[in-house]
Amino acid sequence: MLRSLNAMVDRYLELRKPLTAQIDPWQRARPDPRRPFNDWLALLDARIYLDDRTADGPH
């Protein structure tokens, strides 16, 4: 059980850094009313990538 939890945490940490680098600019852009957020395709692609990377783990 502990090994399984460690593996899940390790996989999450592997994903977190690159995804955070991708998502941070989108989060900063959203609240600016002068520049409405319009990069929905990239946001959905990142979500699909994350889903694919975590699909083999428990939900």
PDB file of N, CA and C in Angstrom:
ATOM      1  N   MET A   1       0.818  -1.194   0.000  1.00  0.00           N
ATOM      2  CA  MET A   1       0.000   0.000   0.000  1.00  0.00           C
ATOM      3  C   MET A   1       0.866   1.264   0.000  1.00  0.00           C
ATOM      4  N   LEU A   2       1.887   1.254   0.826  1.00  0.00           N
ATOM      5  CA  LEU A   2       2.764   2.417   0.899  1.00  0.00           C
ATOM      6  C   LEU A   2       3.510   2.637  -0.418  1.00  0.00           C
ATOM      7  N   ARG A   3       3.930   1.564  -1.056  1.00  0.00           N
ATOM      8  CA  ARG A   3       4.597   1.684  -2.357  1.00  0.00           C
ATOM      9  C   ARG A   3       3.669   2.277  -3.399  1.00  0.00           C
ATOM     10  N   SER A   4       2.423   1.844  -3.369  1.00  0.00           N
ATOM     11  CA  SER A   4       1.431   2.360  -4.314  1.00  0.00           C
ATOM     12  C   SER A   4       1.230   3.862  -4.108  1.00  0.00           C
ATOM     13  N   LEU A   5       1.118   4.263  -2.858  1.00  0.00           N
ATOM     14  CA  LEU A   5       0.954   5.692  -2.545  1.00  0.00           C
ATOM     15  C   LEU A   5       2.187   6.479  -2.969  1.00  0.00           C
ATOM     16  N   ASN A   6       3.364   5.950  -2.699  1.00  0.00           N
ATOM     17  CA  ASN A   6       4.595   6.625  -3.105  1.00  0.00           C
ATOM     18  C   ASN A   6       4.670   6.782  -4.623  1.00  0.00           C
ATOM     19  N   ALA A   7       4.263   5.750  -5.348  1.00  0.00           N
ATOM     20  CA  ALA A   7       4.279   5.815  -6.808  1.00  0.00           C
ATOM     21  C   ALA A   7       3.312   6.877  -7.310  1.00  0.00           C
ATOM     22  N   MET A   8       2.134   6.964  -6.703  1.00  0.00           N
ATOM     23  CA  MET A   8       1.158   7.984  -7.105  1.00  0.00           C
ATOM     24  C   MET A   8       1.696   9.388  -6.851  1.00  0.00           C
ATOM     25  N   VAL A   9       2.298   9.582  -5.703  1.00  0.00           N
ATOM     26  CA  VAL A   9       2.860  10.902  -5.363  1.00  0.00           C
ATOM     27  C   VAL A   9       3.993  11.253  -6.314  1.00  0.00           C
ATOM     28  N   ASP A  10       4.860  10.292  -6.593  1.00  0.00           N
ATOM     29  CA  ASP A  10       5.967  10.542  -7.523  1.00  0.00           C
ATOM     30  C   ASP A  10       5.457  10.928  -8.904  1.00  0.00           C
ATOM     31  N   ARG A  11       4.424  10.237  -9.371  1.00  0.00           N
ATOM     32  CA  ARG A  11       3.865  10.537 -10.689  1.00  0.00           C
ATOM     33  C   ARG A  11       3.230  11.929 -10.708  1.00  0.00           C
ATOM     34  N   TYR A  12       2.544  12.269  -9.636  1.00  0.00           N
ATOM     35  CA  TYR A  12       1.950  13.602  -9.532  1.00  0.00           C
ATOM     36  C   TYR A  12       3.039  14.677  -9.570  1.00  0.00           C
ATOM     37  N   LEU A  13       4.092  14.476  -8.826  1.00  0.00           N
ATOM     38  CA  LEU A  13       5.164  15.479  -8.782  1.00  0.00           C
ATOM     39  C   LEU A  13       5.855  15.622 -10.137  1.00  0.00           C
ATOM     40  N   GLU A  14       5.969  14.507 -10.884  1.00  0.00           N
ATOM     41  CA  GLU A  14       6.538  14.572 -12.229  1.00  0.00           C
ATOM     42  C   GLU A  14       5.682  15.452 -13.143  1.00  0.00           C
ATOM     43  N   LEU A  15       4.386  15.353 -13.003  1.00  0.00           N
ATOM     44  CA  LEU A  15       3.464  16.113 -13.854  1.00  0.00           C
ATOM     45  C   LEU A  15       3.315  17.560 -13.424  1.00  0.00           C
ATOM     46  N   ARG A  16       3.433  17.804 -12.144  1.00  0.00           N
ATOM     47  CA  ARG A  16       3.107  19.112 -11.587  1.00  0.00           C
ATOM     48  C   ARG A  16       3.957  20.250 -12.153  1.00  0.00           C
ATOM     49  N   LYS A  17       5.230  20.072 -12.215  1.00  0.00           N
ATOM     50  CA  LYS A  17       6.106  21.165 -12.632  1.00  0.00           C
ATOM     51  C   LYS A  17       5.840  21.634 -14.066  1.00  0.00           C
ATOM     52  N   PRO A  18       5.841  20.749 -15.066  1.00  0.00           N
ATOM     53  CA  PRO A  18       5.576  21.240 -16.427  1.00  0.00           C
ATOM     54  C   PRO A  18       4.152  21.769 -16.604  1.00  0.00           C
ATOM     55  N   LEU A  19       3.194  21.141 -15.935  1.00  0.00           N
ATOM     56  CA  LEU A  19       1.820  21.627 -16.069  1.00  0.00           C
ATOM     57  C   LEU A  19       1.636  22.978 -15.394  1.00  0.00           C
ATOM     58  N   THR A  20       2.282  23.167 -14.262  1.00  0.00           N
ATOM     59  CA  THR A  20       2.216  24.464 -13.589  1.00  0.00           C
ATOM     60  C   THR A  20       2.813  25.546 -14.477  1.00  0.00           C
ATOM     61  N   ALA A  21       3.912  25.240 -15.133  1.00  0.00           N
ATOM     62  CA  ALA A  21       4.528  26.216 -16.039  1.00  0.00           C
ATOM     63  C   ALA A  21       3.592  26.563 -17.194  1.00  0.00           C
ATOM     64  N   GLN A  22       2.790  25.603 -17.641  1.00  0.00           N
ATOM     65  CA  GLN A  22       1.839  25.848 -18.726  1.00  0.00           C
ATOM     66  C   GLN A  22       0.622  26.618 -18.246  1.00  0.00           C
ATOM     67  N   ILE A  23       0.112  26.259 -17.099  1.00  0.00           N
ATOM     68  CA  ILE A  23      -1.160  26.791 -16.626  1.00  0.00           C
ATOM     69  C   ILE A  23      -1.032  28.170 -15.984  1.00  0.00           C
ATOM     70  N   ASP A  24       0.085  28.483 -15.357  1.00  0.00           N
ATOM     71  CA  ASP A  24       0.250  29.785 -14.693  1.00  0.00           C
ATOM     72  C   ASP A  24      -0.051  30.973 -15.602  1.00  0.00           C
ATOM     73  N   PRO A  25       0.483  31.036 -16.824  1.00  0.00           N
ATOM     74  CA  PRO A  25       0.148  32.180 -17.686  1.00  0.00           C
ATOM     75  C   PRO A  25      -1.346  32.259 -18.010  1.00  0.00           C
ATOM     76  N   TRP A  26      -2.008  31.115 -18.160  1.00  0.00           N
ATOM     77  CA  TRP A  26      -3.447  31.122 -18.433  1.00  0.00           C
ATOM     78  C   TRP A  26      -4.210  31.678 -17.233  1.00  0.00           C
ATOM     79  N   GLN A  27      -3.785  31.301 -16.028  1.00  0.00           N
ATOM     80  CA  GLN A  27      -4.465  31.796 -14.839  1.00  0.00           C
ATOM     81  C   GLN A  27      -4.276  33.302 -14.682  1.00  0.00           C
ATOM     82  N   ARG A  28      -3.125  33.806 -15.049  1.00  0.00           N
ATOM     83  CA  ARG A  28      -2.897  35.255 -14.976  1.00  0.00           C
ATOM     84  C   ARG A  28      -3.705  35.999 -16.032  1.00  0.00           C
ATOM     85  N   ALA A  29      -3.909  35.390 -17.181  1.00  0.00           N
ATOM     86  CA  ALA A  29      -4.621  36.051 -18.282  1.00  0.00           C
ATOM     87  C   ALA A  29      -6.124  36.103 -18.047  1.00  0.00           C
ATOM     88  N   ARG A  30      -6.692  35.150 -17.362  1.00  0.00           N
ATOM     89  CA  ARG A  30      -8.140  35.067 -17.209  1.00  0.00           C
ATOM     90  C   ARG A  30      -8.767  36.274 -16.534  1.00  0.00           C
ATOM     91  N   PRO A  31      -8.232  36.800 -15.431  1.00  0.00           N
ATOM     92  CA  PRO A  31      -8.938  37.898 -14.761  1.00  0.00           C
ATOM     93  C   PRO A  31      -8.770  39.273 -15.417  1.00  0.00           C
ATOM     94  N   ASP A  32      -7.996  39.391 -16.454  1.00  0.00           N
ATOM     95  CA  ASP A  32      -7.763  40.692 -17.090  1.00  0.00           C
ATOM     96  C   ASP A  32      -8.904  40.990 -18.072  1.00  0.00           C
ATOM     97  N   PRO A  33      -9.787  41.938 -17.735  1.00  0.00           N
ATOM     98  CA  PRO A  33     -10.937  42.221 -18.606  1.00  0.00           C
ATOM     99  C   PRO A  33     -10.537  42.859 -19.944  1.00  0.00           C
ATOM    100  N   ARG A  34      -9.348  43.448 -20.004  1.00  0.00           N
ATOM    101  CA  ARG A  34      -8.904  44.060 -21.259  1.00  0.00           C
ATOM    102  C   ARG A  34      -8.385  43.023 -22.249  1.00  0.00           C
ATOM    103  N   ARG A  35      -7.997  41.868 -21.727  1.00  0.00           N
ATOM    104  CA  ARG A  35      -7.499  40.775 -22.568  1.00  0.00           C
ATOM    105  C   ARG A  35      -8.233  39.500 -22.204  1.00  0.00           C
ATOM    106  N   PRO A  36      -9.410  39.297 -22.751  1.00  0.00           N
ATOM    107  CA  PRO A  36     -10.152  38.090 -22.380  1.00  0.00           C
ATOM    108  C   PRO A  36      -9.393  36.814 -22.759  1.00  0.00           C
ATOM    109  N   PHE A  37      -9.549  35.828 -21.941  1.00  0.00           N
ATOM    110  CA  PHE A  37      -8.883  34.550 -22.175  1.00  0.00           C
ATOM    111  C   PHE A  37      -9.479  33.898 -23.419  1.00  0.00           C
ATOM    112  N   ASN A  38      -8.627  33.473 -24.333  1.00  0.00           N
ATOM    113  CA  ASN A  38      -9.135  32.853 -25.562  1.00  0.00           C
ATOM    114  C   ASN A  38      -8.303  31.652 -26.011  1.00  0.00           C
ATOM    115  N   ASP A  39      -7.470  31.140 -25.144  1.00  0.00           N
ATOM    116  CA  ASP A  39      -6.621  30.004 -25.505  1.00  0.00           C
ATOM    117  C   ASP A  39      -7.209  28.699 -24.968  1.00  0.00           C
ATOM    118  N   TRP A  40      -8.501  28.518 -25.220  1.00  0.00           N
ATOM    119  CA  TRP A  40      -9.202  27.353 -24.684  1.00  0.00           C
ATOM    120  C   TRP A  40      -8.678  26.045 -25.259  1.00  0.00           C
ATOM    121  N   LEU A  41      -8.275  26.047 -26.488  1.00  0.00           N
ATOM    122  CA  LEU A  41      -7.771  24.811 -27.102  1.00  0.00           C
ATOM    123  C   LEU A  41      -6.518  24.317 -26.370  1.00  0.00           C
ATOM    124  N   ALA A  42      -5.615  25.208 -26.060  1.00  0.00           N
ATOM    125  CA  ALA A  42      -4.401  24.810 -25.338  1.00  0.00           C
ATOM    126  C   ALA A  42      -4.739  24.324 -23.932  1.00  0.00           C
ATOM    127  N   LEU A  43      -5.697  24.962 -23.300  1.00  0.00           N
ATOM    128  CA  LEU A  43      -6.114  24.536 -21.968  1.00  0.00           C
ATOM    129  C   LEU A  43      -6.724  23.136 -22.018  1.00  0.00           C
ATOM    130  N   LEU A  44      -7.569  22.884 -23.006  1.00  0.00           N
ATOM    131  CA  LEU A  44      -8.157  21.552 -23.152  1.00  0.00           C
ATOM    132  C   LEU A  44      -7.098  20.509 -23.500  1.00  0.00           C
ATOM    133  N   ASP A  45      -6.132  20.870 -24.324  1.00  0.00           N
ATOM    134  CA  ASP A  45      -5.037  19.946 -24.648  1.00  0.00           C
ATOM    135  C   ASP A  45      -4.253  19.561 -23.390  1.00  0.00           C
ATOM    136  N   ALA A  46      -3.997  20.523 -22.518  1.00  0.00           N
ATOM    137  CA  ALA A  46      -3.284  20.234 -21.272  1.00  0.00           C
ATOM    138  C   ALA A  46      -4.110  19.310 -20.385  1.00  0.00           C
ATOM    139  N   ARG A  47      -5.413  19.522 -20.352  1.00  0.00           N
ATOM    140  CA  ARG A  47      -6.286  18.656 -19.555  1.00  0.00           C
ATOM    141  C   ARG A  47      -6.277  17.232 -20.111  1.00  0.00           C
ATOM    142  N   ILE A  48      -6.361  17.095 -21.417  1.00  0.00           N
ATOM    143  CA  ILE A  48      -6.336  15.771 -22.040  1.00  0.00           C
ATOM    144  C   ILE A  48      -5.003  15.079 -21.761  1.00  0.00           C
ATOM    145  N   TYR A  49      -3.912  15.832 -21.853  1.00  0.00           N
ATOM    146  CA  TYR A  49      -2.589  15.283 -21.566  1.00  0.00           C
ATOM    147  C   TYR A  49      -2.520  14.763 -20.128  1.00  0.00           C
ATOM    148  N   LEU A  50      -3.037  15.550 -19.204  1.00  0.00           N
ATOM    149  CA  LEU A  50      -3.040  15.132 -17.801  1.00  0.00           C
ATOM    150  C   LEU A  50      -3.909  13.893 -17.611  1.00  0.00           C
ATOM    151  N   ASP A  51      -5.080  13.871 -18.230  1.00  0.00           N
ATOM    152  CA  ASP A  51      -5.950  12.701 -18.131  1.00  0.00           C
ATOM    153  C   ASP A  51      -5.262  11.456 -18.675  1.00  0.00           C
ATOM    154  N   ASP A  52      -4.579  11.592 -19.803  1.00  0.00           N
ATOM    155  CA  ASP A  52      -3.880  10.450 -20.398  1.00  0.00           C
ATOM    156  C   ASP A  52      -2.760   9.951 -19.500  1.00  0.00           C
ATOM    157  N   ARG A  53      -2.056  10.877 -18.882  1.00  0.00           N
ATOM    158  CA  ARG A  53      -0.913  10.494 -18.038  1.00  0.00           C
ATOM    159  C   ARG A  53      -1.356   9.835 -16.747  1.00  0.00           C
ATOM    160  N   THR A  54      -2.568  10.142 -16.265  1.00  0.00           N
ATOM    161  CA  THR A  54      -3.025   9.612 -14.988  1.00  0.00           C
ATOM    162  C   THR A  54      -4.082   8.530 -15.155  1.00  0.00           C
ATOM    163  N   ALA A  55      -4.399   8.142 -16.376  1.00  0.00           N
ATOM    164  CA  ALA A  55      -5.483   7.177 -16.611  1.00  0.00           C
ATOM    165  C   ALA A  55      -5.192   5.798 -16.057  1.00  0.00           C
ATOM    166  N   ASP A  56      -3.933   5.427 -15.939  1.00  0.00           N
ATOM    167  CA  ASP A  56      -3.637   4.083 -15.469  1.00  0.00           C
ATOM    168  C   ASP A  56      -3.676   3.972 -13.947  1.00  0.00           C
ATOM    169  N   GLY A  57      -3.830   5.077 -13.243  1.00  0.00           N
ATOM    170  CA  GLY A  57      -3.895   5.057 -11.795  1.00  0.00           C
ATOM    171  C   GLY A  57      -5.328   4.950 -11.296  1.00  0.00           C
ATOM    172  N   PRO A  58      -5.508   4.734  -9.995  1.00  0.00           N
ATOM    173  CA  PRO A  58      -6.859   4.650  -9.438  1.00  0.00           C
ATOM    174  C   PRO A  58      -7.545   6.003  -9.457  1.00  0.00           C
ATOM    175  N   HIS A  59      -8.866   6.010  -9.603  1.00  0.00           N
ATOM    176  CA  HIS A  59      -9.627   7.264  -9.647  1.00  0.00           C
ATOM    177  C   HIS A  59     -10.494   7.381  -8.416  1.00  0.00           C
TER     178      HIS A  59
END
